[in-house]
C-alpha atoms as a PDB file:
ATOM      1  CA  MET A   1      -0.101   0.089  -0.017  1.00  0.00           C
ATOM      2  CA  SER A   2       1.197   3.427  -0.999  1.00  0.00           C
ATOM      3  CA  ARG A   3       1.137   6.528   1.562  1.00  0.00           C
ATOM      4  CA  ARG A   4       1.226  10.095   0.327  1.00  0.00           C
ATOM      5  CA  PHE A   5       1.587  13.068   2.428  1.00  0.00           C
ATOM      6  CA  VAL A   6       1.240  16.863   1.309  1.00  0.00           C
ATOM      7  CA  ASN A   7       2.744  19.986   3.141  1.00  0.00           C
ATOM      8  CA  THR A   8       2.149  23.468   2.575  1.00  0.00           C
ATOM      9  CA  PHE A   9       4.284  26.279   3.812  1.00  0.00           C
ATOM     10  CA  PRO A  10       3.829  30.097   3.501  1.00  0.00           C
ATOM     11  CA  CYS A  11       6.211  32.011   1.738  1.00  0.00           C
ATOM     12  CA  PHE A  12       4.802  35.618   0.858  1.00  0.00           C
ATOM     13  CA  GLU A  13       2.432  36.875   3.265  1.00  0.00           C
ATOM     14  CA  ALA A  14       0.979  40.199   2.088  1.00  0.00           C
ATOM     15  CA  LEU A  15       4.353  41.645   0.884  1.00  0.00           C
ATOM     16  CA  ASP A  16       4.755  44.905  -1.170  1.00  0.00           C
ATOM     17  CA  SER A  17       4.696  43.617  -4.591  1.00  0.00           C
ATOM     18  CA  SER A  18       6.754  46.697  -5.854  1.00  0.00           C
ATOM     19  CA  VAL A  19      10.257  45.935  -4.422  1.00  0.00           C
ATOM     20  CA  GLU A  20      12.006  42.516  -4.414  1.00  0.00           C
ATOM     21  CA  GLN A  21      10.963  40.148  -2.364  1.00  0.00           C
ATOM     22  CA  LYS A  22      12.755  36.773  -1.286  1.00  0.00           C
ATOM     23  CA  SER A  23      10.964  34.109   0.721  1.00  0.00           C
ATOM     24  CA  ALA A  24      12.490  32.262   3.908  1.00  0.00           C
ATOM     25  CA  LEU A  25      14.240  28.937   2.783  1.00  0.00           C
ATOM     26  CA  THR A  26      12.153  25.898   2.817  1.00  0.00           C
ATOM     27  CA  ASN A  27      13.313  22.463   3.245  1.00  0.00           C
ATOM     28  CA  VAL A  28      12.142  19.964   0.729  1.00  0.00           C
ATOM     29  CA  GLY A  29      14.462  17.041   1.277  1.00  0.00           C
ATOM     30  CA  PRO A  30      11.399  14.526   2.101  1.00  0.00           C
ATOM     31  CA  PHE A  31       9.282  15.568  -0.985  1.00  0.00           C
ATOM     32  CA  ASP A  32       9.033  14.466  -4.384  1.00  0.00           C
ATOM     33  CA  SER A  33       7.446  17.476  -6.088  1.00  0.00           C
ATOM     34  CA  ALA A  34       6.119  20.908  -5.267  1.00  0.00           C
ATOM     35  CA  SER A  35       4.509  23.948  -6.471  1.00  0.00           C
ATOM     36  CA  TYR A  36       4.298  27.703  -5.506  1.00  0.00           C
ATOM     37  CA  GLN A  37       0.846  29.200  -5.807  1.00  0.00           C
ATOM     38  CA  VAL A  38       1.168  33.089  -6.021  1.00  0.00           C
ATOM     39  CA  LYS A  39      -1.636  35.561  -5.828  1.00  0.00           C
ATOM     40  CA  PHE A  40      -1.266  39.414  -6.325  1.00  0.00           C
ATOM     41  CA  SER A  41      -3.730  41.933  -5.272  1.00  0.00           C
ATOM     42  CA  ALA A  42      -3.306  43.944  -8.441  1.00  0.00           C
ATOM     43  CA  PRO A  43      -2.248  43.081 -11.794  1.00  0.00           C
ATOM     44  CA  SER A  44       1.659  42.799 -11.781  1.00  0.00           C
ATOM     45  CA  SER A  45       4.637  42.142 -14.004  1.00  0.00           C
ATOM     46  CA  GLY A  46       8.067  40.875 -13.333  1.00  0.00           C
ATOM     47  CA  GLU A  47      10.146  37.786 -13.245  1.00  0.00           C
ATOM     48  CA  PHE A  48      10.220  35.196 -10.559  1.00  0.00           C
ATOM     49  CA  HIS A  49      13.324  33.191  -9.663  1.00  0.00           C
ATOM     50  CA  VAL A  50      13.005  29.628  -8.032  1.00  0.00           C
ATOM     51  CA  GLN A  51      16.394  29.127  -6.161  1.00  0.00           C
ATOM     52  CA  ALA A  52      17.563  25.894  -4.908  1.00  0.00           C
ATOM     53  CA  ARG A  53      20.520  24.410  -3.029  1.00  0.00           C
ATOM     54  CA  ASN A  54      21.750  21.170  -1.350  1.00  0.00           C
ATOM     55  CA  GLY A  55      23.045  20.597   2.094  1.00  0.00           C
ATOM     56  CA  LYS A  56      21.786  20.370   5.599  1.00  0.00           C
ATOM     57  CA  TYR A  57      19.083  22.650   7.041  1.00  0.00           C
ATOM     58  CA  ARG A  58      21.098  25.930   7.924  1.00  0.00           C
ATOM     59  CA  PRO A  59      19.300  28.860   7.483  1.00  0.00           C
ATOM     60  CA  ASP A  60      22.659  30.849   8.051  1.00  0.00           C
ATOM     61  CA  GLN A  61      24.546  29.324   4.828  1.00  0.00           C
ATOM     62  CA  ASP A  62      25.988  31.806   2.503  1.00  0.00           C
ATOM     63  CA  GLU A  63      24.026  33.420   0.095  1.00  0.00           C
ATOM     64  CA  THR A  64      26.079  32.457  -2.831  1.00  0.00           C
ATOM     65  CA  ASP A  65      25.343  28.718  -2.235  1.00  0.00           C
ATOM     66  CA  TRP A  66      21.552  29.282  -4.105  1.00  0.00           C
ATOM     67  CA  VAL A  67      21.171  28.796  -7.875  1.00  0.00           C
ATOM     68  CA  ASP A  68      18.420  29.406  -9.986  1.00  0.00           C
ATOM     69  CA  LEU A  69      16.445  26.626 -11.469  1.00  0.00           C
ATOM     70  CA  ASP A  70      16.282  26.941 -15.365  1.00  0.00           C
ATOM     71  CA  PHE A  71      13.104  27.276 -16.936  1.00  0.00           C
ATOM     72  CA  GLY A  72      14.064  27.861 -20.487  1.00  0.00           C
ATOM     73  CA  PRO A  73      14.996  30.944 -22.363  1.00  0.00           C
ATOM     74  CA  SER A  74      11.491  32.976 -21.500  1.00  0.00           C
ATOM     75  CA  GLY A  75      12.065  32.002 -17.766  1.00  0.00           C
ATOM     76  CA  LEU A  76       9.212  33.003 -15.452  1.00  0.00           C
ATOM     77  CA  VAL A  77       8.682  36.532 -16.621  1.00  0.00           C
ATOM     78  CA  ILE A  78       4.854  37.383 -16.120  1.00  0.00           C
ATOM     79  CA  THR A  79       2.820  40.242 -17.428  1.00  0.00           C
ATOM     80  CA  SER A  80      -0.118  41.917 -15.970  1.00  0.00           C
ATOM     81  CA  GLU A  81      -0.921  38.563 -14.163  1.00  0.00           C
ATOM     82  CA  THR A  82      -2.720  38.350 -10.756  1.00  0.00           C
ATOM     83  CA  ASP A  83      -2.508  34.424  -9.918  1.00  0.00           C
ATOM     84  CA  VAL A  84       0.748  32.661 -10.900  1.00  0.00           C
ATOM     85  CA  ARG A  85       1.578  28.551 -10.289  1.00  0.00           C
ATOM     86  CA  ILE A  86       4.913  27.380 -10.717  1.00  0.00           C
ATOM     87  CA  LEU A  87       5.202  23.265 -10.918  1.00  0.00           C
ATOM     88  CA  LEU A  88       7.973  21.409  -9.717  1.00  0.00           C
ATOM     89  CA  VAL A  89       8.777  17.648 -10.416  1.00  0.00           C
ATOM     90  CA  ASP A  90      11.348  15.332  -9.174  1.00  0.00           C
ATOM     91  CA  LEU A  91      12.789  17.499  -6.872  1.00  0.00           C
ATOM     92  CA  THR A  92      16.669  16.939  -6.627  1.00  0.00           C
ATOM     93  CA  PHE A  93      17.698  19.441  -3.873  1.00  0.00           C
ATOM     94  CA  THR A  94      16.872  19.807  -0.392  1.00  0.00           C
ATOM     95  CA  GLU A  95      16.052  23.722  -0.222  1.00  0.00           C
ATOM     96  CA  LEU A  96      13.996  26.074  -2.088  1.00  0.00           C
ATOM     97  CA  ARG A  97      13.003  29.496  -1.960  1.00  0.00           C
ATOM     98  CA  LEU A  98      11.068  31.875  -4.387  1.00  0.00           C
ATOM     99  CA  VAL A  99      12.448  35.457  -5.615  1.00  0.00           C
ATOM    100  CA  TRP A 100       9.952  37.945  -6.646  1.00  0.00           C
ATOM    101  CA  SER A 101      12.045  41.047  -9.019  1.00  0.00           C
ATOM    102  CA  PRO A 102       9.053  43.463 -10.146  1.00  0.00           C
ATOM    103  CA  SER A 103       9.238  45.722 -13.265  1.00  0.00           C
ATOM    104  CA  ALA A 104       5.781  47.451 -12.674  1.00  0.00           C
ATOM    105  CA  SER A 105       4.051  45.975  -9.902  1.00  0.00           C
ATOM    106  CA  THR A 106       1.515  47.601  -6.814  1.00  0.00           C
ATOM    107  CA  GLY A 107      -0.331  46.056  -3.607  1.00  0.00           C
ATOM    108  CA  THR A 108       0.641  43.112  -2.117  1.00  0.00           C
ATOM    109  CA  ILE A 109       1.801  39.461  -2.910  1.00  0.00           C
ATOM    110  CA  ASN A 110       0.955  36.357  -1.178  1.00  0.00           C
ATOM    111  CA  SER A 111       2.552  32.918  -1.857  1.00  0.00           C
ATOM    112  CA  THR A 112       2.771  29.446  -0.942  1.00  0.00           C
ATOM    113  CA  LEU A 113       4.328  26.086  -1.397  1.00  0.00           C
ATOM    114  CA  THR A 114       2.769  23.010  -1.317  1.00  0.00           C
ATOM    115  CA  ALA A 115       4.735  19.971  -1.308  1.00  0.00           C
ATOM    116  CA  LYS A 116       4.110  16.456  -1.840  1.00  0.00           C
ATOM    117  CA  ALA A 117       5.646  13.051  -0.873  1.00  0.00           C
ATOM    118  CA  VAL A 118       4.561   9.643  -2.454  1.00  0.00           C
ATOM    119  CA  GLY A 119       5.893   6.669  -0.528  1.00  0.00           C
ATOM    120  CA  ALA A 120       5.739   2.996  -0.918  1.00  0.00           C
END
């Protein structure tokens, strides 16, 4: 019989969407897949970066340890959006964080990370 569990982690909670925001790290080591759900209070444009690193859970680890995940030539650029979902499958790293870099945005941003593990 297989077991499955899902956890949800807050990332951004009513933060100013007109300035760059970085979420705290989330330990995703025990999970197989994850998704970010992002909601803006007003249409927003900018770019998301999903950053990852491997290692033990150490919040004080050096900033240079983070790498941007590659989402192809267009990346995660959004224009005039209010809802965004970013799907990640086959997680091969232990920690994630979300970075928002606005180009034109007002209002607030909210985001959660939902992660899923499927066991045997």
